[in-house]
PDB file of N, CA and C in Angstrom:
ATOM      1  N   MET A   1     -46.054 -32.793  80.329  1.00  0.00           N
ATOM      2  CA  MET A   1     -46.776 -31.649  79.795  1.00  0.00           C
ATOM      3  C   MET A   1     -48.157 -32.099  79.339  1.00  0.00           C
ATOM      4  N   SER A   2     -49.120 -31.288  79.580  1.00  0.00           N
ATOM      5  CA  SER A   2     -50.494 -31.563  79.208  1.00  0.00           C
ATOM      6  C   SER A   2     -50.657 -31.495  77.694  1.00  0.00           C
ATOM      7  N   ALA A   3     -51.534 -32.330  77.178  1.00  0.00           N
ATOM      8  CA  ALA A   3     -51.823 -32.315  75.749  1.00  0.00           C
ATOM      9  C   ALA A   3     -52.571 -31.046  75.345  1.00  0.00           C
ATOM     10  N   ILE A   4     -53.272 -30.425  76.277  1.00  0.00           N
ATOM     11  CA  ILE A   4     -54.039 -29.218  75.969  1.00  0.00           C
ATOM     12  C   ILE A   4     -53.161 -27.956  75.988  1.00  0.00           C
ATOM     13  N   HIS A   5     -52.004 -28.028  76.640  1.00  0.00           N
ATOM     14  CA  HIS A   5     -51.141 -26.846  76.760  1.00  0.00           C
ATOM     15  C   HIS A   5     -50.797 -26.217  75.406  1.00  0.00           C
ATOM     16  N   PRO A   6     -50.405 -27.001  74.398  1.00  0.00           N
ATOM     17  CA  PRO A   6     -50.114 -26.363  73.099  1.00  0.00           C
ATOM     18  C   PRO A   6     -51.331 -25.649  72.506  1.00  0.00           C
ATOM     19  N   LYS A   7     -52.536 -26.193  72.730  1.00  0.00           N
ATOM     20  CA  LYS A   7     -53.739 -25.544  72.209  1.00  0.00           C
ATOM     21  C   LYS A   7     -54.008 -24.238  72.949  1.00  0.00           C
ATOM     22  N   ILE A   8     -53.823 -24.238  74.268  1.00  0.00           N
ATOM     23  CA  ILE A   8     -53.977 -23.006  75.041  1.00  0.00           C
ATOM     24  C   ILE A   8     -53.004 -21.957  74.534  1.00  0.00           C
ATOM     25  N   THR A   9     -51.756 -22.361  74.340  1.00  0.00           N
ATOM     26  CA  THR A   9     -50.731 -21.431  73.839  1.00  0.00           C
ATOM     27  C   THR A   9     -51.109 -20.908  72.460  1.00  0.00           C
ATOM     28  N   GLU A  10     -51.570 -21.798  71.588  1.00  0.00           N
ATOM     29  CA  GLU A  10     -51.959 -21.391  70.237  1.00  0.00           C
ATOM     30  C   GLU A  10     -53.102 -20.381  70.267  1.00  0.00           C
ATOM     31  N   VAL A  11     -54.131 -20.657  71.059  1.00  0.00           N
ATOM     32  CA  VAL A  11     -55.275 -19.749  71.145  1.00  0.00           C
ATOM     33  C   VAL A  11     -54.835 -18.395  71.698  1.00  0.00           C
ATOM     34  N   LEU A  12     -54.047 -18.415  72.755  1.00  0.00           N
ATOM     35  CA  LEU A  12     -53.619 -17.151  73.358  1.00  0.00           C
ATOM     36  C   LEU A  12     -52.726 -16.336  72.421  1.00  0.00           C
ATOM     37  N   THR A  13     -51.824 -17.001  71.700  1.00  0.00           N
ATOM     38  CA  THR A  13     -50.903 -16.256  70.837  1.00  0.00           C
ATOM     39  C   THR A  13     -51.549 -15.824  69.524  1.00  0.00           C
ATOM     40  N   HIS A  14     -52.295 -16.705  68.900  1.00  0.00           N
ATOM     41  CA  HIS A  14     -52.860 -16.379  67.593  1.00  0.00           C
ATOM     42  C   HIS A  14     -54.139 -15.558  67.664  1.00  0.00           C
ATOM     43  N   THR A  15     -55.017 -15.897  68.559  1.00  0.00           N
ATOM     44  CA  THR A  15     -56.297 -15.198  68.632  1.00  0.00           C
ATOM     45  C   THR A  15     -56.200 -13.912  69.441  1.00  0.00           C
ATOM     46  N   PHE A  16     -55.467 -13.981  70.572  1.00  0.00           N
ATOM     47  CA  PHE A  16     -55.428 -12.839  71.482  1.00  0.00           C
ATOM     48  C   PHE A  16     -54.106 -12.086  71.471  1.00  0.00           C
ATOM     49  N   LYS A  17     -53.180 -12.533  70.620  1.00  0.00           N
ATOM     50  CA  LYS A  17     -51.888 -11.843  70.429  1.00  0.00           C
ATOM     51  C   LYS A  17     -51.082 -11.705  71.723  1.00  0.00           C
ATOM     52  N   VAL A  18     -51.178 -12.711  72.606  1.00  0.00           N
ATOM     53  CA  VAL A  18     -50.402 -12.726  73.842  1.00  0.00           C
ATOM     54  C   VAL A  18     -49.000 -13.215  73.500  1.00  0.00           C
ATOM     55  N   PRO A  19     -47.952 -12.487  73.875  1.00  0.00           N
ATOM     56  CA  PRO A  19     -46.589 -12.951  73.609  1.00  0.00           C
ATOM     57  C   PRO A  19     -46.317 -14.278  74.323  1.00  0.00           C
ATOM     58  N   VAL A  20     -45.663 -15.196  73.621  1.00  0.00           N
ATOM     59  CA  VAL A  20     -45.369 -16.520  74.174  1.00  0.00           C
ATOM     60  C   VAL A  20     -44.633 -16.414  75.506  1.00  0.00           C
ATOM     61  N   ALA A  21     -43.754 -15.451  75.644  1.00  0.00           N
ATOM     62  CA  ALA A  21     -42.977 -15.291  76.879  1.00  0.00           C
ATOM     63  C   ALA A  21     -43.850 -15.018  78.098  1.00  0.00           C
ATOM     64  N   GLU A  22     -45.062 -14.518  77.883  1.00  0.00           N
ATOM     65  CA  GLU A  22     -45.971 -14.216  78.991  1.00  0.00           C
ATOM     66  C   GLU A  22     -46.837 -15.402  79.395  1.00  0.00           C
ATOM     67  N   ILE A  23     -46.818 -16.467  78.602  1.00  0.00           N
ATOM     68  CA  ILE A  23     -47.658 -17.639  78.868  1.00  0.00           C
ATOM     69  C   ILE A  23     -46.886 -18.595  79.763  1.00  0.00           C
ATOM     70  N   ARG A  24     -47.178 -18.477  81.060  1.00  0.00           N
ATOM     71  CA  ARG A  24     -46.524 -19.304  82.088  1.00  0.00           C
ATOM     72  C   ARG A  24     -47.605 -19.963  82.933  1.00  0.00           C
ATOM     73  N   PRO A  25     -47.275 -21.050  83.626  1.00  0.00           N
ATOM     74  CA  PRO A  25     -48.278 -21.719  84.462  1.00  0.00           C
ATOM     75  C   PRO A  25     -48.930 -20.801  85.492  1.00  0.00           C
ATOM     76  N   ASP A  26     -48.169 -19.821  86.006  1.00  0.00           N
ATOM     77  CA  ASP A  26     -48.724 -18.933  87.030  1.00  0.00           C
ATOM     78  C   ASP A  26     -49.403 -17.685  86.451  1.00  0.00           C
ATOM     79  N   SER A  27     -49.445 -17.573  85.118  1.00  0.00           N
ATOM     80  CA  SER A  27     -50.138 -16.449  84.489  1.00  0.00           C
ATOM     81  C   SER A  27     -51.636 -16.602  84.672  1.00  0.00           C
ATOM     82  N   THR A  28     -52.304 -15.485  84.908  1.00  0.00           N
ATOM     83  CA  THR A  28     -53.762 -15.477  84.979  1.00  0.00           C
ATOM     84  C   THR A  28     -54.295 -14.758  83.749  1.00  0.00           C
ATOM     85  N   MET A  29     -55.570 -14.931  83.493  1.00  0.00           N
ATOM     86  CA  MET A  29     -56.180 -14.214  82.377  1.00  0.00           C
ATOM     87  C   MET A  29     -56.034 -12.707  82.599  1.00  0.00           C
ATOM     88  N   ASP A  30     -56.179 -12.293  83.842  1.00  0.00           N
ATOM     89  CA  ASP A  30     -56.035 -10.875  84.171  1.00  0.00           C
ATOM     90  C   ASP A  30     -54.613 -10.391  83.893  1.00  0.00           C
ATOM     91  N   SER A  31     -53.610 -11.178  84.286  1.00  0.00           N
ATOM     92  CA  SER A  31     -52.218 -10.758  84.060  1.00  0.00           C
ATOM     93  C   SER A  31     -51.870 -10.741  82.574  1.00  0.00           C
ATOM     94  N   LEU A  32     -52.639 -11.493  81.768  1.00  0.00           N
ATOM     95  CA  LEU A  32     -52.441 -11.483  80.319  1.00  0.00           C
ATOM     96  C   LEU A  32     -53.273 -10.392  79.656  1.00  0.00           C
ATOM     97  N   GLU A  33     -53.876  -9.543  80.486  1.00  0.00           N
ATOM     98  CA  GLU A  33     -54.671  -8.397  80.056  1.00  0.00           C
ATOM     99  C   GLU A  33     -55.872  -8.795  79.204  1.00  0.00           C
ATOM    100  N   MET A  34     -56.506  -9.903  79.611  1.00  0.00           N
ATOM    101  CA  MET A  34     -57.710 -10.355  78.925  1.00  0.00           C
ATOM    102  C   MET A  34     -58.925  -9.911  79.724  1.00  0.00           C
ATOM    103  N   ASP A  35     -59.798  -9.166  79.062  1.00  0.00           N
ATOM    104  CA  ASP A  35     -61.014  -8.703  79.738  1.00  0.00           C
ATOM    105  C   ASP A  35     -62.052  -9.827  79.751  1.00  0.00           C
ATOM    106  N   SER A  36     -63.189  -9.564  80.340  1.00  0.00           N
ATOM    107  CA  SER A  36     -64.234 -10.578  80.496  1.00  0.00           C
ATOM    108  C   SER A  36     -64.699 -11.153  79.159  1.00  0.00           C
ATOM    109  N   LEU A  37     -64.817 -10.312  78.154  1.00  0.00           N
ATOM    110  CA  LEU A  37     -65.242 -10.780  76.834  1.00  0.00           C
ATOM    111  C   LEU A  37     -64.185 -11.708  76.234  1.00  0.00           C
ATOM    112  N   ALA A  38     -62.912 -11.357  76.374  1.00  0.00           N
ATOM    113  CA  ALA A  38     -61.826 -12.201  75.867  1.00  0.00           C
ATOM    114  C   ALA A  38     -61.787 -13.542  76.593  1.00  0.00           C
ATOM    115  N   VAL A  39     -62.026 -13.530  77.907  1.00  0.00           N
ATOM    116  CA  VAL A  39     -62.046 -14.777  78.685  1.00  0.00           C
ATOM    117  C   VAL A  39     -63.193 -15.665  78.203  1.00  0.00           C
ATOM    118  N   ALA A  40     -64.351 -15.074  77.938  1.00  0.00           N
ATOM    119  CA  ALA A  40     -65.494 -15.843  77.446  1.00  0.00           C
ATOM    120  C   ALA A  40     -65.188 -16.439  76.065  1.00  0.00           C
ATOM    121  N   GLU A  41     -64.559 -15.654  75.198  1.00  0.00           N
ATOM    122  CA  GLU A  41     -64.193 -16.155  73.869  1.00  0.00           C
ATOM    123  C   GLU A  41     -63.155 -17.273  73.983  1.00  0.00           C
ATOM    124  N   PHE A  42     -62.180 -17.103  74.884  1.00  0.00           N
ATOM    125  CA  PHE A  42     -61.182 -18.142  75.149  1.00  0.00           C
ATOM    126  C   PHE A  42     -61.881 -19.436  75.564  1.00  0.00           C
ATOM    127  N   ALA A  43     -62.868 -19.335  76.446  1.00  0.00           N
ATOM    128  CA  ALA A  43     -63.595 -20.512  76.921  1.00  0.00           C
ATOM    129  C   ALA A  43     -64.276 -21.240  75.770  1.00  0.00           C
ATOM    130  N   VAL A  44     -64.887 -20.490  74.863  1.00  0.00           N
ATOM    131  CA  VAL A  44     -65.558 -21.096  73.714  1.00  0.00           C
ATOM    132  C   VAL A  44     -64.543 -21.810  72.821  1.00  0.00           C
ATOM    133  N   LEU A  45     -63.433 -21.163  72.547  1.00  0.00           N
ATOM    134  CA  LEU A  45     -62.425 -21.749  71.678  1.00  0.00           C
ATOM    135  C   LEU A  45     -61.817 -23.015  72.268  1.00  0.00           C
ATOM    136  N   ILE A  46     -61.573 -23.013  73.571  1.00  0.00           N
ATOM    137  CA  ILE A  46     -61.012 -24.197  74.228  1.00  0.00           C
ATOM    138  C   ILE A  46     -62.052 -25.314  74.249  1.00  0.00           C
ATOM    139  N   ARG A  47     -63.305 -24.981  74.512  1.00  0.00           N
ATOM    140  CA  ARG A  47     -64.368 -25.999  74.496  1.00  0.00           C
ATOM    141  C   ARG A  47     -64.438 -26.642  73.112  1.00  0.00           C
ATOM    142  N   GLU A  48     -64.375 -25.832  72.049  1.00  0.00           N
ATOM    143  CA  GLU A  48     -64.400 -26.362  70.689  1.00  0.00           C
ATOM    144  C   GLU A  48     -63.191 -27.251  70.417  1.00  0.00           C
ATOM    145  N   ALA A  49     -62.035 -26.864  70.921  1.00  0.00           N
ATOM    146  CA  ALA A  49     -60.816 -27.657  70.723  1.00  0.00           C
ATOM    147  C   ALA A  49     -60.922 -29.019  71.395  1.00  0.00           C
ATOM    148  N   MET A  50     -61.689 -29.082  72.476  1.00  0.00           N
ATOM    149  CA  MET A  50     -61.869 -30.332  73.217  1.00  0.00           C
ATOM    150  C   MET A  50     -63.020 -31.162  72.670  1.00  0.00           C
ATOM    151  N   GLY A  51     -63.720 -30.680  71.681  1.00  0.00           N
ATOM    152  CA  GLY A  51     -64.844 -31.416  71.144  1.00  0.00           C
ATOM    153  C   GLY A  51     -66.138 -31.168  71.900  1.00  0.00           C
ATOM    154  N   GLY A  52     -66.222 -30.055  72.615  1.00  0.00           N
ATOM    155  CA  GLY A  52     -67.460 -29.687  73.280  1.00  0.00           C
ATOM    156  C   GLY A  52     -67.570 -30.095  74.733  1.00  0.00           C
ATOM    157  N   ASP A  53     -66.583 -30.766  75.287  1.00  0.00           N
ATOM    158  CA  ASP A  53     -66.641 -31.199  76.683  1.00  0.00           C
ATOM    159  C   ASP A  53     -66.181 -30.088  77.617  1.00  0.00           C
ATOM    160  N   GLY A  54     -66.717 -30.090  78.809  1.00  0.00           N
ATOM    161  CA  GLY A  54     -66.281 -29.150  79.836  1.00  0.00           C
ATOM    162  C   GLY A  54     -67.165 -27.927  79.921  1.00  0.00           C
ATOM    163  N   ASP A  55     -67.229 -27.356  81.101  1.00  0.00           N
ATOM    164  CA  ASP A  55     -68.016 -26.164  81.354  1.00  0.00           C
ATOM    165  C   ASP A  55     -67.061 -25.037  81.700  1.00  0.00           C
ATOM    166  N   PHE A  56     -66.774 -24.202  80.723  1.00  0.00           N
ATOM    167  CA  PHE A  56     -65.813 -23.122  80.916  1.00  0.00           C
ATOM    168  C   PHE A  56     -66.482 -21.758  80.903  1.00  0.00           C
ATOM    169  N   ASP A  57     -67.807 -21.726  80.979  1.00  0.00           N
ATOM    170  CA  ASP A  57     -68.540 -20.470  80.864  1.00  0.00           C
ATOM    171  C   ASP A  57     -68.249 -19.499  81.997  1.00  0.00           C
ATOM    172  N   GLU A  58     -67.802 -19.989  83.125  1.00  0.00           N
ATOM    173  CA  GLU A  58     -67.580 -19.131  84.279  1.00  0.00           C
ATOM    174  C   GLU A  58     -66.097 -19.038  84.659  1.00  0.00           C
ATOM    175  N   LEU A  59     -65.206 -19.156  83.673  1.00  0.00           N
ATOM    176  CA  LEU A  59     -63.779 -19.067  83.979  1.00  0.00           C
ATOM    177  C   LEU A  59     -63.465 -17.748  84.662  1.00  0.00           C
ATOM    178  N   SER A  60     -62.654 -17.824  85.670  1.00  0.00           N
ATOM    179  CA  SER A  60     -62.264 -16.645  86.423  1.00  0.00           C
ATOM    180  C   SER A  60     -61.068 -15.973  85.775  1.00  0.00           C
ATOM    181  N   LYS A  61     -61.076 -14.642  85.798  1.00  0.00           N
ATOM    182  CA  LYS A  61     -59.933 -13.901  85.284  1.00  0.00           C
ATOM    183  C   LYS A  61     -58.701 -14.095  86.157  1.00  0.00           C
ATOM    184  N   ASP A  62     -58.893 -14.550  87.414  1.00  0.00           N
ATOM    185  CA  ASP A  62     -57.737 -14.742  88.287  1.00  0.00           C
ATOM    186  C   ASP A  62     -57.312 -16.204  88.409  1.00  0.00           C
ATOM    187  N   ALA A  63     -57.916 -17.097  87.623  1.00  0.00           N
ATOM    188  CA  ALA A  63     -57.470 -18.492  87.593  1.00  0.00           C
ATOM    189  C   ALA A  63     -56.151 -18.559  86.828  1.00  0.00           C
ATOM    190  N   THR A  64     -55.217 -19.329  87.349  1.00  0.00           N
ATOM    191  CA  THR A  64     -53.936 -19.481  86.648  1.00  0.00           C
ATOM    192  C   THR A  64     -54.101 -20.415  85.462  1.00  0.00           C
ATOM    193  N   LEU A  65     -53.185 -20.310  84.506  1.00  0.00           N
ATOM    194  CA  LEU A  65     -53.211 -21.222  83.375  1.00  0.00           C
ATOM    195  C   LEU A  65     -52.997 -22.658  83.841  1.00  0.00           C
ATOM    196  N   ALA A  66     -52.206 -22.852  84.893  1.00  0.00           N
ATOM    197  CA  ALA A  66     -52.004 -24.202  85.445  1.00  0.00           C
ATOM    198  C   ALA A  66     -53.322 -24.762  85.963  1.00  0.00           C
ATOM    199  N   ALA A  67     -54.118 -23.960  86.664  1.00  0.00           N
ATOM    200  CA  ALA A  67     -55.409 -24.414  87.185  1.00  0.00           C
ATOM    201  C   ALA A  67     -56.385 -24.704  86.050  1.00  0.00           C
ATOM    202  N   ILE A  68     -56.387 -23.860  85.040  1.00  0.00           N
ATOM    203  CA  ILE A  68     -57.258 -24.078  83.892  1.00  0.00           C
ATOM    204  C   ILE A  68     -56.865 -25.359  83.174  1.00  0.00           C
ATOM    205  N   THR A  69     -55.566 -25.571  82.991  1.00  0.00           N
ATOM    206  CA  THR A  69     -55.074 -26.782  82.336  1.00  0.00           C
ATOM    207  C   THR A  69     -55.456 -28.031  83.119  1.00  0.00           C
ATOM    208  N   ARG A  70     -55.292 -27.988  84.453  1.00  0.00           N
ATOM    209  CA  ARG A  70     -55.681 -29.138  85.281  1.00  0.00           C
ATOM    210  C   ARG A  70     -57.163 -29.443  85.134  1.00  0.00           C
ATOM    211  N   TYR A  71     -57.981 -28.406  85.132  1.00  0.00           N
ATOM    212  CA  TYR A  71     -59.422 -28.606  84.976  1.00  0.00           C
ATOM    213  C   TYR A  71     -59.740 -29.229  83.617  1.00  0.00           C
ATOM    214  N   ILE A  72     -59.130 -28.702  82.561  1.00  0.00           N
ATOM    215  CA  ILE A  72     -59.375 -29.237  81.222  1.00  0.00           C
ATOM    216  C   ILE A  72     -58.938 -30.695  81.147  1.00  0.00           C
ATOM    217  N   ASP A  73     -57.762 -31.001  81.688  1.00  0.00           N
ATOM    218  CA  ASP A  73     -57.280 -32.385  81.690  1.00  0.00           C
ATOM    219  C   ASP A  73     -58.226 -33.297  82.447  1.00  0.00           C
ATOM    220  N   ALA A  74     -58.777 -32.821  83.552  1.00  0.00           N
ATOM    221  CA  ALA A  74     -59.684 -33.632  84.372  1.00  0.00           C
ATOM    222  C   ALA A  74     -61.012 -33.868  83.677  1.00  0.00           C
ATOM    223  N   THR A  75     -61.460 -32.907  82.878  1.00  0.00           N
ATOM    224  CA  THR A  75     -62.765 -33.028  82.241  1.00  0.00           C
ATOM    225  C   THR A  75     -62.695 -33.623  80.847  1.00  0.00           C
ATOM    226  N   ALA A  76     -61.512 -33.736  80.280  1.00  0.00           N
ATOM    227  CA  ALA A  76     -61.372 -34.240  78.911  1.00  0.00           C
ATOM    228  C   ALA A  76     -62.021 -35.611  78.775  1.00  0.00           C
ATOM    229  N   GLY A  77     -62.975 -35.673  77.885  1.00  0.00           N
ATOM    230  CA  GLY A  77     -63.644 -36.931  77.612  1.00  0.00           C
ATOM    231  C   GLY A  77     -64.781 -37.275  78.552  1.00  0.00           C
ATOM    232  N   SER A  78     -64.914 -36.561  79.669  1.00  0.00           N
ATOM    233  CA  SER A  78     -65.968 -36.917  80.614  1.00  0.00           C
ATOM    234  C   SER A  78     -67.089 -35.896  80.674  1.00  0.00           C
ATOM    235  N   GLY A  79     -66.762 -34.637  80.395  1.00  0.00           N
ATOM    236  CA  GLY A  79     -67.760 -33.589  80.479  1.00  0.00           C
ATOM    237  C   GLY A  79     -68.049 -33.142  81.894  1.00  0.00           C
ATOM    238  N   ALA A  80     -67.339 -33.713  82.878  1.00  0.00           N
ATOM    239  CA  ALA A  80     -67.543 -33.342  84.276  1.00  0.00           C
ATOM    240  C   ALA A  80     -66.217 -33.378  84.997  1.00  0.00           C
ATOM    241  N   PRO A  81     -66.042 -32.531  86.010  1.00  0.00           N
ATOM    242  CA  PRO A  81     -64.782 -32.529  86.732  1.00  0.00           C
ATOM    243  C   PRO A  81     -64.545 -33.852  87.456  1.00  0.00           C
ATOM    244  N   LEU A  82     -63.332 -34.348  87.363  1.00  0.00           N
ATOM    245  CA  LEU A  82     -62.979 -35.578  88.056  1.00  0.00           C
ATOM    246  C   LEU A  82     -62.310 -35.302  89.386  1.00  0.00           C
ATOM    247  N   GLY A  83     -61.588 -34.211  89.455  1.00  0.00           N
ATOM    248  CA  GLY A  83     -60.824 -33.965  90.671  1.00  0.00           C
ATOM    249  C   GLY A  83     -61.049 -32.608  91.261  1.00  0.00           C
ATOM    250  N   GLY A  84     -62.140 -31.955  90.955  1.00  0.00           N
ATOM    251  CA  GLY A  84     -62.365 -30.638  91.545  1.00  0.00           C
ATOM    252  C   GLY A  84     -63.266 -29.792  90.687  1.00  0.00           C
ATOM    253  N   GLU A  85     -63.399 -28.595  91.123  1.00  0.00           N
ATOM    254  CA  GLU A  85     -64.277 -27.638  90.476  1.00  0.00           C
ATOM    255  C   GLU A  85     -63.543 -26.893  89.368  1.00  0.00           C
ATOM    256  N   ALA A  86     -64.287 -26.353  88.464  1.00  0.00           N
ATOM    257  CA  ALA A  86     -63.722 -25.477  87.445  1.00  0.00           C
ATOM    258  C   ALA A  86     -63.222 -24.208  88.115  1.00  0.00           C
ATOM    259  N   PRO A  87     -62.156 -23.631  87.608  1.00  0.00           N
ATOM    260  CA  PRO A  87     -61.654 -22.384  88.185  1.00  0.00           C
ATOM    261  C   PRO A  87     -62.594 -21.245  87.854  1.00  0.00           C
ATOM    262  N   THR A  88     -63.552 -20.996  88.719  1.00  0.00           N
ATOM    263  CA  THR A  88     -64.574 -19.989  88.458  1.00  0.00           C
ATOM    264  C   THR A  88     -64.491 -18.844  89.455  1.00  0.00           C
ATOM    265  N   SER A  89     -65.277 -17.837  89.169  1.00  0.00           N
ATOM    266  CA  SER A  89     -65.313 -16.671  90.028  1.00  0.00           C
ATOM    267  C   SER A  89     -66.747 -16.355  90.402  1.00  0.00           C
ATOM    268  N   ASN A  90     -66.932 -15.871  91.617  1.00  0.00           N
ATOM    269  CA  ASN A  90     -68.249 -15.410  92.051  1.00  0.00           C
ATOM    270  C   ASN A  90     -68.394 -13.905  91.885  1.00  0.00           C
ATOM    271  N   ALA A  91     -67.331 -13.237  91.487  1.00  0.00           N
ATOM    272  CA  ALA A  91     -67.349 -11.783  91.324  1.00  0.00           C
ATOM    273  C   ALA A  91     -68.186 -11.411  90.122  1.00  0.00           C
ATOM    274  N   ARG A  92     -68.886 -10.327  90.225  1.00  0.00           N
ATOM    275  CA  ARG A  92     -69.702  -9.850  89.098  1.00  0.00           C
ATOM    276  C   ARG A  92     -69.385  -8.427  88.817  1.00  0.00           C
TER     277      ARG A  92
END
């Protein structure tokens, strides 16, 4: 299990009131009924939890929590992706 997973769960449950039962690896921000503003706030909170590393400003509403977790794990401590791109969206 990723070290960031408990923080993701905490942010989603406490800040956004997402039921724990809905937080699964295949859940997307969209499936958790988080709008664009909530996704942006989530990105800020996760960046702060990591100590400021990572670029989460363009998180996609259709990125799975598993993909977001992998990205965070890859960027932890480096500030840059080690194994791929951030789960972003080109949709506007």
